[in-house]
Amino acid sequence: MTYLPPALLLAVLLIPVAGFSSTAVQADPGTTATANTSPGNWQLRRLMEPTESELVREAQGEVVIYDRLTDKQVDAAMSAHPERIRSMMFLGTIITDEQGEAKVDETGMFAMEDDGC
């Protein structure tokens, strides 16, 4: 049996987590929060139009971690799919204004909700 130090074991366990990333999102003046808003984005597809097999895995307890979606995308998903909320986890949610533009904090980074992690 191979011994892995706890820090390495944690890193190995986190690698396959969908959407996991520890990098900050720098805001570009005049742009919207497009880090995860493109039409071909797997997270939006998975969140809003899951396949039958994905729904089966959720029913079996699978939780999917979604990273850097906008607050409006998160609200839309939770409103459209309340029966699936227990299978969703959101990290790095980007705060937007009424027009859907990403808010920028005093450091020039996208303003993000505090997820408690």
PDB file of N, CA and C in Angstrom:
ATOM      1  N   MET A   1       0.843  -1.176   0.000  1.00  0.00           N
ATOM      2  CA  MET A   1       0.000   0.000   0.000  1.00  0.00           C
ATOM      3  C   MET A   1       0.890   1.240   0.000  1.00  0.00           C
ATOM      4  N   THR A   2       0.552   2.208  -0.814  1.00  0.00           N
ATOM      5  CA  THR A   2       1.312   3.440  -0.915  1.00  0.00           C
ATOM      6  C   THR A   2       0.712   4.485   0.012  1.00  0.00           C
ATOM      7  N   TYR A   3       1.562   5.169   0.745  1.00  0.00           N
ATOM      8  CA  TYR A   3       1.115   6.228   1.651  1.00  0.00           C
ATOM      9  C   TYR A   3       1.170   7.557   0.913  1.00  0.00           C
ATOM     10  N   LEU A   4       0.077   8.303   0.952  1.00  0.00           N
ATOM     11  CA  LEU A   4       0.057   9.643   0.394  1.00  0.00           C
ATOM     12  C   LEU A   4      -0.156  10.630   1.527  1.00  0.00           C
ATOM     13  N   PRO A   5       0.695  11.666   1.607  1.00  0.00           N
ATOM     14  CA  PRO A   5       0.475  12.699   2.627  1.00  0.00           C
ATOM     15  C   PRO A   5      -0.904  13.328   2.431  1.00  0.00           C
ATOM     16  N   PRO A   6      -1.549  13.759   3.510  1.00  0.00           N
ATOM     17  CA  PRO A   6      -2.908  14.307   3.413  1.00  0.00           C
ATOM     18  C   PRO A   6      -3.051  15.437   2.392  1.00  0.00           C
ATOM     19  N   ALA A   7      -2.079  16.343   2.308  1.00  0.00           N
ATOM     20  CA  ALA A   7      -2.184  17.457   1.357  1.00  0.00           C
ATOM     21  C   ALA A   7      -2.171  16.948  -0.079  1.00  0.00           C
ATOM     22  N   LEU A   8      -1.338  15.965  -0.371  1.00  0.00           N
ATOM     23  CA  LEU A   8      -1.278  15.397  -1.715  1.00  0.00           C
ATOM     24  C   LEU A   8      -2.548  14.615  -2.019  1.00  0.00           C
ATOM     25  N   LEU A   9      -3.030  13.889  -1.046  1.00  0.00           N
ATOM     26  CA  LEU A   9      -4.260  13.131  -1.229  1.00  0.00           C
ATOM     27  C   LEU A   9      -5.420  14.075  -1.549  1.00  0.00           C
ATOM     28  N   LEU A  10      -5.512  15.192  -0.836  1.00  0.00           N
ATOM     29  CA  LEU A  10      -6.560  16.171  -1.091  1.00  0.00           C
ATOM     30  C   LEU A  10      -6.433  16.720  -2.507  1.00  0.00           C
ATOM     31  N   ALA A  11      -5.211  17.040  -2.923  1.00  0.00           N
ATOM     32  CA  ALA A  11      -5.000  17.557  -4.274  1.00  0.00           C
ATOM     33  C   ALA A  11      -5.422  16.536  -5.317  1.00  0.00           C
ATOM     34  N   VAL A  12      -5.088  15.298  -5.114  1.00  0.00           N
ATOM     35  CA  VAL A  12      -5.455  14.244  -6.058  1.00  0.00           C
ATOM     36  C   VAL A  12      -6.970  14.080  -6.109  1.00  0.00           C
ATOM     37  N   LEU A  13      -7.621  14.171  -4.974  1.00  0.00           N
ATOM     38  CA  LEU A  13      -9.069  14.024  -4.940  1.00  0.00           C
ATOM     39  C   LEU A  13      -9.785  15.181  -5.615  1.00  0.00           C
ATOM     40  N   LEU A  14      -9.203  16.381  -5.572  1.00  0.00           N
ATOM     41  CA  LEU A  14      -9.851  17.553  -6.147  1.00  0.00           C
ATOM     42  C   LEU A  14      -9.657  17.659  -7.653  1.00  0.00           C
ATOM     43  N   ILE A  15      -8.651  17.012  -8.193  1.00  0.00           N
ATOM     44  CA  ILE A  15      -8.374  17.142  -9.617  1.00  0.00           C
ATOM     45  C   ILE A  15      -9.571  16.784 -10.481  1.00  0.00           C
ATOM     46  N   PRO A  16     -10.264  15.676 -10.250  1.00  0.00           N
ATOM     47  CA  PRO A  16     -11.359  15.329 -11.153  1.00  0.00           C
ATOM     48  C   PRO A  16     -12.664  16.078 -10.915  1.00  0.00           C
ATOM     49  N   VAL A  17     -12.728  16.956  -9.936  1.00  0.00           N
ATOM     50  CA  VAL A  17     -13.972  17.660  -9.644  1.00  0.00           C
ATOM     51  C   VAL A  17     -14.293  18.615 -10.785  1.00  0.00           C
ATOM     52  N   ALA A  18     -15.449  18.448 -11.370  1.00  0.00           N
ATOM     53  CA  ALA A  18     -15.859  19.259 -12.508  1.00  0.00           C
ATOM     54  C   ALA A  18     -15.925  20.729 -12.142  1.00  0.00           C
ATOM     55  N   GLY A  19     -15.271  21.548 -12.939  1.00  0.00           N
ATOM     56  CA  GLY A  19     -15.360  22.988 -12.750  1.00  0.00           C
ATOM     57  C   GLY A  19     -14.451  23.541 -11.680  1.00  0.00           C
ATOM     58  N   PHE A  20     -13.654  22.720 -10.995  1.00  0.00           N
ATOM     59  CA  PHE A  20     -12.816  23.220  -9.919  1.00  0.00           C
ATOM     60  C   PHE A  20     -11.657  24.011 -10.470  1.00  0.00           C
ATOM     61  N   SER A  21     -11.444  25.164  -9.927  1.00  0.00           N
ATOM     62  CA  SER A  21     -10.310  25.988 -10.309  1.00  0.00           C
ATOM     63  C   SER A  21     -10.044  26.956  -9.172  1.00  0.00           C
ATOM     64  N   SER A  22      -8.784  27.265  -8.963  1.00  0.00           N
ATOM     65  CA  SER A  22      -8.458  28.179  -7.874  1.00  0.00           C
ATOM     66  C   SER A  22      -7.958  29.520  -8.382  1.00  0.00           C
ATOM     67  N   THR A  23      -8.041  29.776  -9.696  1.00  0.00           N
ATOM     68  CA  THR A  23      -7.545  31.027 -10.227  1.00  0.00           C
ATOM     69  C   THR A  23      -8.598  32.110 -10.107  1.00  0.00           C
ATOM     70  N   ALA A  24      -8.132  33.338  -9.962  1.00  0.00           N
ATOM     71  CA  ALA A  24      -9.034  34.474  -9.861  1.00  0.00           C
ATOM     72  C   ALA A  24      -9.492  34.878 -11.253  1.00  0.00           C
ATOM     73  N   VAL A  25     -10.597  35.581 -11.324  1.00  0.00           N
ATOM     74  CA  VAL A  25     -11.118  36.046 -12.598  1.00  0.00           C
ATOM     75  C   VAL A  25     -10.901  37.544 -12.671  1.00  0.00           C
ATOM     76  N   GLN A  26     -10.031  37.960 -13.585  1.00  0.00           N
ATOM     77  CA  GLN A  26      -9.740  39.383 -13.774  1.00  0.00           C
ATOM     78  C   GLN A  26     -10.792  39.989 -14.688  1.00  0.00           C
ATOM     79  N   ALA A  27     -11.307  41.103 -14.304  1.00  0.00           N
ATOM     80  CA  ALA A  27     -12.305  41.779 -15.116  1.00  0.00           C
ATOM     81  C   ALA A  27     -11.626  42.614 -16.191  1.00  0.00           C
ATOM     82  N   ASP A  28     -12.181  42.616 -17.380  1.00  0.00           N
ATOM     83  CA  ASP A  28     -11.724  43.473 -18.458  1.00  0.00           C
ATOM     84  C   ASP A  28     -12.740  44.594 -18.600  1.00  0.00           C
ATOM     85  N   PRO A  29     -12.268  45.846 -18.594  1.00  0.00           N
ATOM     86  CA  PRO A  29     -13.210  46.961 -18.708  1.00  0.00           C
ATOM     87  C   PRO A  29     -14.082  46.818 -19.950  1.00  0.00           C
ATOM     88  N   GLY A  30     -15.369  47.068 -19.792  1.00  0.00           N
ATOM     89  CA  GLY A  30     -16.284  47.051 -20.914  1.00  0.00           C
ATOM     90  C   GLY A  30     -16.764  45.674 -21.332  1.00  0.00           C
ATOM     91  N   THR A  31     -16.422  44.634 -20.578  1.00  0.00           N
ATOM     92  CA  THR A  31     -16.881  43.301 -20.942  1.00  0.00           C
ATOM     93  C   THR A  31     -17.817  42.777 -19.872  1.00  0.00           C
ATOM     94  N   THR A  32     -18.592  41.789 -20.242  1.00  0.00           N
ATOM     95  CA  THR A  32     -19.467  41.142 -19.269  1.00  0.00           C
ATOM     96  C   THR A  32     -18.752  39.922 -18.712  1.00  0.00           C
ATOM     97  N   ALA A  33     -19.333  39.322 -17.722  1.00  0.00           N
ATOM     98  CA  ALA A  33     -18.740  38.118 -17.115  1.00  0.00           C
ATOM     99  C   ALA A  33     -18.960  36.949 -18.057  1.00  0.00           C
ATOM    100  N   THR A  34     -18.022  36.723 -18.947  1.00  0.00           N
ATOM    101  CA  THR A  34     -18.197  35.696 -19.954  1.00  0.00           C
ATOM    102  C   THR A  34     -17.373  34.448 -19.673  1.00  0.00           C
ATOM    103  N   ALA A  35     -16.794  34.346 -18.493  1.00  0.00           N
ATOM    104  CA  ALA A  35     -15.963  33.180 -18.198  1.00  0.00           C
ATOM    105  C   ALA A  35     -16.716  31.886 -18.424  1.00  0.00           C
ATOM    106  N   ASN A  36     -17.982  31.834 -18.076  1.00  0.00           N
ATOM    107  CA  ASN A  36     -18.766  30.609 -18.244  1.00  0.00           C
ATOM    108  C   ASN A  36     -20.131  30.890 -18.846  1.00  0.00           C
ATOM    109  N   THR A  37     -20.175  31.759 -19.842  1.00  0.00           N
ATOM    110  CA  THR A  37     -21.472  32.095 -20.413  1.00  0.00           C
ATOM    111  C   THR A  37     -21.577  31.778 -21.903  1.00  0.00           C
ATOM    112  N   SER A  38     -20.566  31.205 -22.510  1.00  0.00           N
ATOM    113  CA  SER A  38     -20.642  30.904 -23.937  1.00  0.00           C
ATOM    114  C   SER A  38     -21.675  29.799 -24.176  1.00  0.00           C
ATOM    115  N   PRO A  39     -22.339  29.844 -25.339  1.00  0.00           N
ATOM    116  CA  PRO A  39     -23.398  28.860 -25.618  1.00  0.00           C
ATOM    117  C   PRO A  39     -22.924  27.413 -25.542  1.00  0.00           C
ATOM    118  N   GLY A  40     -21.669  27.133 -25.873  1.00  0.00           N
ATOM    119  CA  GLY A  40     -21.161  25.773 -25.843  1.00  0.00           C
ATOM    120  C   GLY A  40     -20.618  25.347 -24.499  1.00  0.00           C
ATOM    121  N   ASN A  41     -20.800  26.167 -23.488  1.00  0.00           N
ATOM    122  CA  ASN A  41     -20.244  25.872 -22.171  1.00  0.00           C
ATOM    123  C   ASN A  41     -20.892  24.624 -21.578  1.00  0.00           C
ATOM    124  N   TRP A  42     -20.058  23.653 -21.212  1.00  0.00           N
ATOM    125  CA  TRP A  42     -20.590  22.384 -20.680  1.00  0.00           C
ATOM    126  C   TRP A  42     -21.354  22.593 -19.386  1.00  0.00           C
ATOM    127  N   GLN A  43     -20.946  23.566 -18.570  1.00  0.00           N
ATOM    128  CA  GLN A  43     -21.631  23.772 -17.294  1.00  0.00           C
ATOM    129  C   GLN A  43     -23.075  24.218 -17.509  1.00  0.00           C
ATOM    130  N   LEU A  44     -23.272  25.174 -18.427  1.00  0.00           N
ATOM    131  CA  LEU A  44     -24.634  25.638 -18.686  1.00  0.00           C
ATOM    132  C   LEU A  44     -25.488  24.543 -19.300  1.00  0.00           C
ATOM    133  N   ARG A  45     -24.900  23.784 -20.206  1.00  0.00           N
ATOM    134  CA  ARG A  45     -25.638  22.674 -20.803  1.00  0.00           C
ATOM    135  C   ARG A  45     -26.022  21.658 -19.739  1.00  0.00           C
ATOM    136  N   ARG A  46     -25.065  21.300 -18.878  1.00  0.00           N
ATOM    137  CA  ARG A  46     -25.287  20.305 -17.823  1.00  0.00           C
ATOM    138  C   ARG A  46     -26.320  20.801 -16.813  1.00  0.00           C
ATOM    139  N   LEU A  47     -26.259  22.084 -16.520  1.00  0.00           N
ATOM    140  CA  LEU A  47     -27.145  22.671 -15.532  1.00  0.00           C
ATOM    141  C   LEU A  47     -28.579  22.804 -16.046  1.00  0.00           C
ATOM    142  N   MET A  48     -28.728  23.284 -17.275  1.00  0.00           N
ATOM    143  CA  MET A  48     -30.060  23.588 -17.787  1.00  0.00           C
ATOM    144  C   MET A  48     -30.675  22.480 -18.634  1.00  0.00           C
ATOM    145  N   GLU A  49     -29.847  21.627 -19.254  1.00  0.00           N
ATOM    146  CA  GLU A  49     -30.361  20.569 -20.120  1.00  0.00           C
ATOM    147  C   GLU A  49     -29.604  19.263 -19.873  1.00  0.00           C
ATOM    148  N   PRO A  50     -29.723  18.702 -18.682  1.00  0.00           N
ATOM    149  CA  PRO A  50     -28.990  17.470 -18.388  1.00  0.00           C
ATOM    150  C   PRO A  50     -29.509  16.293 -19.215  1.00  0.00           C
ATOM    151  N   THR A  51     -28.613  15.368 -19.506  1.00  0.00           N
ATOM    152  CA  THR A  51     -29.012  14.159 -20.225  1.00  0.00           C
ATOM    153  C   THR A  51     -29.737  13.228 -19.252  1.00  0.00           C
ATOM    154  N   GLU A  52     -30.368  12.216 -19.794  1.00  0.00           N
ATOM    155  CA  GLU A  52     -31.045  11.231 -18.948  1.00  0.00           C
ATOM    156  C   GLU A  52     -30.058  10.552 -18.002  1.00  0.00           C
ATOM    157  N   SER A  53     -28.871  10.208 -18.503  1.00  0.00           N
ATOM    158  CA  SER A  53     -27.881   9.548 -17.638  1.00  0.00           C
ATOM    159  C   SER A  53     -27.387  10.476 -16.538  1.00  0.00           C
ATOM    160  N   GLU A  54     -27.290  11.775 -16.829  1.00  0.00           N
ATOM    161  CA  GLU A  54     -26.892  12.731 -15.791  1.00  0.00           C
ATOM    162  C   GLU A  54     -27.971  12.836 -14.723  1.00  0.00           C
ATOM    163  N   LEU A  55     -29.225  12.821 -15.135  1.00  0.00           N
ATOM    164  CA  LEU A  55     -30.330  12.866 -14.169  1.00  0.00           C
ATOM    165  C   LEU A  55     -30.352  11.612 -13.303  1.00  0.00           C
ATOM    166  N   VAL A  56     -30.051  10.467 -13.892  1.00  0.00           N
ATOM    167  CA  VAL A  56     -29.995   9.218 -13.118  1.00  0.00           C
ATOM    168  C   VAL A  56     -28.896   9.317 -12.070  1.00  0.00           C
ATOM    169  N   ARG A  57     -27.719   9.822 -12.455  1.00  0.00           N
ATOM    170  CA  ARG A  57     -26.607   9.949 -11.488  1.00  0.00           C
ATOM    171  C   ARG A  57     -26.965  10.932 -10.375  1.00  0.00           C
ATOM    172  N   GLU A  58     -27.670  12.018 -10.709  1.00  0.00           N
ATOM    173  CA  GLU A  58     -28.120  12.949  -9.677  1.00  0.00           C
ATOM    174  C   GLU A  58     -29.083  12.261  -8.720  1.00  0.00           C
ATOM    175  N   ALA A  59     -29.979  11.458  -9.258  1.00  0.00           N
ATOM    176  CA  ALA A  59     -30.934  10.736  -8.411  1.00  0.00           C
ATOM    177  C   ALA A  59     -30.224   9.752  -7.491  1.00  0.00           C
ATOM    178  N   GLN A  60     -29.043   9.307  -7.892  1.00  0.00           N
ATOM    179  CA  GLN A  60     -28.237   8.392  -7.078  1.00  0.00           C
ATOM    180  C   GLN A  60     -27.329   9.144  -6.101  1.00  0.00           C
ATOM    181  N   GLY A  61     -27.432  10.487  -6.078  1.00  0.00           N
ATOM    182  CA  GLY A  61     -26.689  11.270  -5.109  1.00  0.00           C
ATOM    183  C   GLY A  61     -25.530  12.083  -5.642  1.00  0.00           C
ATOM    184  N   GLU A  62     -25.297  12.064  -6.950  1.00  0.00           N
ATOM    185  CA  GLU A  62     -24.195  12.840  -7.508  1.00  0.00           C
ATOM    186  C   GLU A  62     -24.458  14.330  -7.334  1.00  0.00           C
ATOM    187  N   VAL A  63     -23.425  15.058  -6.936  1.00  0.00           N
ATOM    188  CA  VAL A  63     -23.486  16.510  -6.827  1.00  0.00           C
ATOM    189  C   VAL A  63     -22.467  17.077  -7.808  1.00  0.00           C
ATOM    190  N   VAL A  64     -22.896  18.043  -8.609  1.00  0.00           N
ATOM    191  CA  VAL A  64     -22.009  18.673  -9.579  1.00  0.00           C
ATOM    192  C   VAL A  64     -21.647  20.058  -9.074  1.00  0.00           C
ATOM    193  N   ILE A  65     -20.354  20.368  -9.123  1.00  0.00           N
ATOM    194  CA  ILE A  65     -19.856  21.678  -8.698  1.00  0.00           C
ATOM    195  C   ILE A  65     -19.740  22.566  -9.929  1.00  0.00           C
ATOM    196  N   TYR A  66     -20.453  23.675  -9.909  1.00  0.00           N
ATOM    197  CA  TYR A  66     -20.428  24.639 -11.002  1.00  0.00           C
ATOM    198  C   TYR A  66     -19.600  25.841 -10.548  1.00  0.00           C
ATOM    199  N   ASP A  67     -18.683  26.287 -11.408  1.00  0.00           N
ATOM    200  CA  ASP A  67     -17.731  27.319 -11.032  1.00  0.00           C
ATOM    201  C   ASP A  67     -17.851  28.542 -11.929  1.00  0.00           C
ATOM    202  N   ARG A  68     -17.952  29.708 -11.308  1.00  0.00           N
ATOM    203  CA  ARG A  68     -17.945  31.008 -11.964  1.00  0.00           C
ATOM    204  C   ARG A  68     -19.092  31.242 -12.929  1.00  0.00           C
ATOM    205  N   LEU A  69     -20.272  30.794 -12.564  1.00  0.00           N
ATOM    206  CA  LEU A  69     -21.461  31.195 -13.298  1.00  0.00           C
ATOM    207  C   LEU A  69     -21.930  32.518 -12.712  1.00  0.00           C
ATOM    208  N   THR A  70     -22.789  33.224 -13.417  1.00  0.00           N
ATOM    209  CA  THR A  70     -23.292  34.480 -12.869  1.00  0.00           C
ATOM    210  C   THR A  70     -24.454  34.203 -11.919  1.00  0.00           C
ATOM    211  N   ASP A  71     -24.719  35.169 -11.065  1.00  0.00           N
ATOM    212  CA  ASP A  71     -25.831  35.024 -10.128  1.00  0.00           C
ATOM    213  C   ASP A  71     -27.152  34.834 -10.865  1.00  0.00           C
ATOM    214  N   LYS A  72     -27.301  35.456 -12.018  1.00  0.00           N
ATOM    215  CA  LYS A  72     -28.525  35.305 -12.794  1.00  0.00           C
ATOM    216  C   LYS A  72     -28.646  33.886 -13.372  1.00  0.00           C
ATOM    217  N   GLN A  73     -27.539  33.293 -13.788  1.00  0.00           N
ATOM    218  CA  GLN A  73     -27.569  31.912 -14.272  1.00  0.00           C
ATOM    219  C   GLN A  73     -27.937  30.947 -13.140  1.00  0.00           C
ATOM    220  N   VAL A  74     -27.377  31.189 -11.965  1.00  0.00           N
ATOM    221  CA  VAL A  74     -27.670  30.341 -10.806  1.00  0.00           C
ATOM    222  C   VAL A  74     -29.146  30.463 -10.435  1.00  0.00           C
ATOM    223  N   ASP A  75     -29.650  31.695 -10.365  1.00  0.00           N
ATOM    224  CA  ASP A  75     -31.068  31.907 -10.027  1.00  0.00           C
ATOM    225  C   ASP A  75     -31.982  31.241 -11.049  1.00  0.00           C
ATOM    226  N   ALA A  76     -31.639  31.362 -12.342  1.00  0.00           N
ATOM    227  CA  ALA A  76     -32.459  30.754 -13.393  1.00  0.00           C
ATOM    228  C   ALA A  76     -32.484  29.234 -13.246  1.00  0.00           C
ATOM    229  N   ALA A  77     -31.341  28.641 -12.963  1.00  0.00           N
ATOM    230  CA  ALA A  77     -31.267  27.183 -12.814  1.00  0.00           C
ATOM    231  C   ALA A  77     -32.071  26.711 -11.610  1.00  0.00           C
ATOM    232  N   MET A  78     -31.955  27.423 -10.507  1.00  0.00           N
ATOM    233  CA  MET A  78     -32.675  27.017  -9.304  1.00  0.00           C
ATOM    234  C   MET A  78     -34.179  27.207  -9.460  1.00  0.00           C
ATOM    235  N   SER A  79     -34.593  28.223 -10.222  1.00  0.00           N
ATOM    236  CA  SER A  79     -36.021  28.438 -10.481  1.00  0.00           C
ATOM    237  C   SER A  79     -36.566  27.398 -11.453  1.00  0.00           C
ATOM    238  N   ALA A  80     -35.777  27.066 -12.479  1.00  0.00           N
ATOM    239  CA  ALA A  80     -36.229  26.127 -13.501  1.00  0.00           C
ATOM    240  C   ALA A  80     -36.189  24.681 -13.032  1.00  0.00           C
ATOM    241  N   HIS A  81     -35.284  24.362 -12.103  1.00  0.00           N
ATOM    242  CA  HIS A  81     -35.077  22.969 -11.688  1.00  0.00           C
ATOM    243  C   HIS A  81     -35.027  22.820 -10.160  1.00  0.00           C
ATOM    244  N   PRO A  82     -36.080  23.237  -9.444  1.00  0.00           N
ATOM    245  CA  PRO A  82     -36.026  23.164  -7.978  1.00  0.00           C
ATOM    246  C   PRO A  82     -35.857  21.735  -7.459  1.00  0.00           C
ATOM    247  N   GLU A  83     -36.318  20.759  -8.211  1.00  0.00           N
ATOM    248  CA  GLU A  83     -36.200  19.365  -7.788  1.00  0.00           C
ATOM    249  C   GLU A  83     -34.755  18.858  -7.843  1.00  0.00           C
ATOM    250  N   ARG A  84     -33.873  19.600  -8.491  1.00  0.00           N
ATOM    251  CA  ARG A  84     -32.473  19.178  -8.630  1.00  0.00           C
ATOM    252  C   ARG A  84     -31.516  19.973  -7.744  1.00  0.00           C
ATOM    253  N   ILE A  85     -32.014  20.881  -6.932  1.00  0.00           N
ATOM    254  CA  ILE A  85     -31.148  21.767  -6.148  1.00  0.00           C
ATOM    255  C   ILE A  85     -30.161  20.992  -5.286  1.00  0.00           C
ATOM    256  N   ARG A  86     -30.575  19.870  -4.716  1.00  0.00           N
ATOM    257  CA  ARG A  86     -29.668  19.116  -3.845  1.00  0.00           C
ATOM    258  C   ARG A  86     -28.476  18.530  -4.608  1.00  0.00           C
ATOM    259  N   SER A  87     -28.538  18.546  -5.941  1.00  0.00           N
ATOM    260  CA  SER A  87     -27.455  18.015  -6.770  1.00  0.00           C
ATOM    261  C   SER A  87     -26.564  19.112  -7.341  1.00  0.00           C
ATOM    262  N   MET A  88     -26.776  20.361  -6.903  1.00  0.00           N
ATOM    263  CA  MET A  88     -26.025  21.501  -7.427  1.00  0.00           C
ATOM    264  C   MET A  88     -25.198  22.151  -6.322  1.00  0.00           C
ATOM    265  N   MET A  89     -23.970  22.517  -6.656  1.00  0.00           N
ATOM    266  CA  MET A  89     -23.141  23.320  -5.758  1.00  0.00           C
ATOM    267  C   MET A  89     -22.497  24.401  -6.619  1.00  0.00           C
ATOM    268  N   PHE A  90     -22.546  25.640  -6.141  1.00  0.00           N
ATOM    269  CA  PHE A  90     -22.021  26.759  -6.918  1.00  0.00           C
ATOM    270  C   PHE A  90     -20.870  27.419  -6.166  1.00  0.00           C
ATOM    271  N   LEU A  91     -19.753  27.591  -6.862  1.00  0.00           N
ATOM    272  CA  LEU A  91     -18.579  28.267  -6.309  1.00  0.00           C
ATOM    273  C   LEU A  91     -18.220  29.446  -7.203  1.00  0.00           C
ATOM    274  N   GLY A  92     -17.701  30.497  -6.607  1.00  0.00           N
ATOM    275  CA  GLY A  92     -17.230  31.641  -7.380  1.00  0.00           C
ATOM    276  C   GLY A  92     -18.313  32.301  -8.205  1.00  0.00           C
ATOM    277  N   THR A  93     -19.516  32.381  -7.655  1.00  0.00           N
ATOM    278  CA  THR A  93     -20.627  32.981  -8.401  1.00  0.00           C
ATOM    279  C   THR A  93     -20.365  34.471  -8.605  1.00  0.00           C
ATOM    280  N   ILE A  94     -20.401  34.894  -9.867  1.00  0.00           N
ATOM    281  CA  ILE A  94     -20.111  36.278 -10.227  1.00  0.00           C
ATOM    282  C   ILE A  94     -21.358  37.122 -10.031  1.00  0.00           C
ATOM    283  N   ILE A  95     -21.216  38.218  -9.296  1.00  0.00           N
ATOM    284  CA  ILE A  95     -22.328  39.127  -9.019  1.00  0.00           C
ATOM    285  C   ILE A  95     -22.500  40.068 -10.205  1.00  0.00           C
ATOM    286  N   THR A  96     -23.742  40.209 -10.661  1.00  0.00           N
ATOM    287  CA  THR A  96     -24.028  41.093 -11.790  1.00  0.00           C
ATOM    288  C   THR A  96     -24.997  42.190 -11.376  1.00  0.00           C
ATOM    289  N   ASP A  97     -25.069  43.226 -12.223  1.00  0.00           N
ATOM    290  CA  ASP A  97     -26.044  44.286 -11.985  1.00  0.00           C
ATOM    291  C   ASP A  97     -27.353  43.918 -12.685  1.00  0.00           C
ATOM    292  N   GLU A  98     -28.306  44.853 -12.714  1.00  0.00           N
ATOM    293  CA  GLU A  98     -29.625  44.584 -13.288  1.00  0.00           C
ATOM    294  C   GLU A  98     -29.562  44.239 -14.776  1.00  0.00           C
ATOM    295  N   GLN A  99     -28.558  44.759 -15.475  1.00  0.00           N
ATOM    296  CA  GLN A  99     -28.412  44.494 -16.902  1.00  0.00           C
ATOM    297  C   GLN A  99     -27.616  43.217 -17.194  1.00  0.00           C
ATOM    298  N   GLY A 100     -27.137  42.549 -16.154  1.00  0.00           N
ATOM    299  CA  GLY A 100     -26.361  41.327 -16.344  1.00  0.00           C
ATOM    300  C   GLY A 100     -24.875  41.553 -16.497  1.00  0.00           C
ATOM    301  N   GLU A 101     -24.434  42.793 -16.317  1.00  0.00           N
ATOM    302  CA  GLU A 101     -23.009  43.115 -16.400  1.00  0.00           C
ATOM    303  C   GLU A 101     -22.339  42.720 -15.083  1.00  0.00           C
ATOM    304  N   ALA A 102     -21.171  42.137 -15.185  1.00  0.00           N
ATOM    305  CA  ALA A 102     -20.440  41.731 -13.982  1.00  0.00           C
ATOM    306  C   ALA A 102     -19.996  42.958 -13.197  1.00  0.00           C
ATOM    307  N   LYS A 103     -20.187  42.893 -11.903  1.00  0.00           N
ATOM    308  CA  LYS A 103     -19.685  43.957 -11.038  1.00  0.00           C
ATOM    309  C   LYS A 103     -18.206  43.694 -10.778  1.00  0.00           C
ATOM    310  N   VAL A 104     -17.452  44.762 -10.641  1.00  0.00           N
ATOM    311  CA  VAL A 104     -16.017  44.671 -10.407  1.00  0.00           C
ATOM    312  C   VAL A 104     -15.721  45.241  -9.033  1.00  0.00           C
ATOM    313  N   ASP A 105     -14.876  44.537  -8.268  1.00  0.00           N
ATOM    314  CA  ASP A 105     -14.533  45.032  -6.935  1.00  0.00           C
ATOM    315  C   ASP A 105     -13.383  46.027  -7.019  1.00  0.00           C
ATOM    316  N   GLU A 106     -12.961  46.523  -5.866  1.00  0.00           N
ATOM    317  CA  GLU A 106     -11.920  47.562  -5.808  1.00  0.00           C
ATOM    318  C   GLU A 106     -10.555  47.082  -6.285  1.00  0.00           C
ATOM    319  N   THR A 107     -10.357  45.777  -6.421  1.00  0.00           N
ATOM    320  CA  THR A 107      -9.074  45.245  -6.895  1.00  0.00           C
ATOM    321  C   THR A 107      -9.069  44.992  -8.396  1.00  0.00           C
ATOM    322  N   GLY A 108     -10.208  45.250  -9.064  1.00  0.00           N
ATOM    323  CA  GLY A 108     -10.294  45.013 -10.495  1.00  0.00           C
ATOM    324  C   GLY A 108     -10.715  43.602 -10.857  1.00  0.00           C
ATOM    325  N   MET A 109     -11.095  42.819  -9.867  1.00  0.00           N
ATOM    326  CA  MET A 109     -11.549  41.444 -10.101  1.00  0.00           C
ATOM    327  C   MET A 109     -13.076  41.441 -10.139  1.00  0.00           C
ATOM    328  N   PHE A 110     -13.645  40.424 -10.803  1.00  0.00           N
ATOM    329  CA  PHE A 110     -15.090  40.293 -10.764  1.00  0.00           C
ATOM    330  C   PHE A 110     -15.524  40.123  -9.315  1.00  0.00           C
ATOM    331  N   ALA A 111     -16.585  40.822  -8.934  1.00  0.00           N
ATOM    332  CA  ALA A 111     -17.135  40.660  -7.592  1.00  0.00           C
ATOM    333  C   ALA A 111     -17.823  39.303  -7.527  1.00  0.00           C
ATOM    334  N   MET A 112     -17.494  38.529  -6.492  1.00  0.00           N
ATOM    335  CA  MET A 112     -18.063  37.184  -6.365  1.00  0.00           C
ATOM    336  C   MET A 112     -18.745  37.043  -5.029  1.00  0.00           C
ATOM    337  N   GLU A 113     -19.788  36.209  -5.023  1.00  0.00           N
ATOM    338  CA  GLU A 113     -20.484  35.908  -3.779  1.00  0.00           C
ATOM    339  C   GLU A 113     -19.550  35.128  -2.865  1.00  0.00           C
ATOM    340  N   ASP A 114     -19.671  35.348  -1.575  1.00  0.00           N
ATOM    341  CA  ASP A 114     -18.888  34.610  -0.598  1.00  0.00           C
ATOM    342  C   ASP A 114     -19.572  33.280  -0.374  1.00  0.00           C
ATOM    343  N   ASP A 115     -18.918  32.202  -0.850  1.00  0.00           N
ATOM    344  CA  ASP A 115     -19.530  30.869  -0.739  1.00  0.00           C
ATOM    345  C   ASP A 115     -19.192  30.164   0.561  1.00  0.00           C
ATOM    346  N   GLY A 116     -18.419  30.830   1.423  1.00  0.00           N
ATOM    347  CA  GLY A 116     -18.100  30.248   2.718  1.00  0.00           C
ATOM    348  C   GLY A 116     -16.991  29.217   2.703  1.00  0.00           C
ATOM    349  N   CYS A 117     -16.392  29.009   1.541  1.00  0.00           N
ATOM    350  CA  CYS A 117     -15.305  28.008   1.463  1.00  0.00           C
ATOM    351  C   CYS A 117     -13.953  28.658   1.652  1.00  0.00           C
TER     352      CYS A 117
END
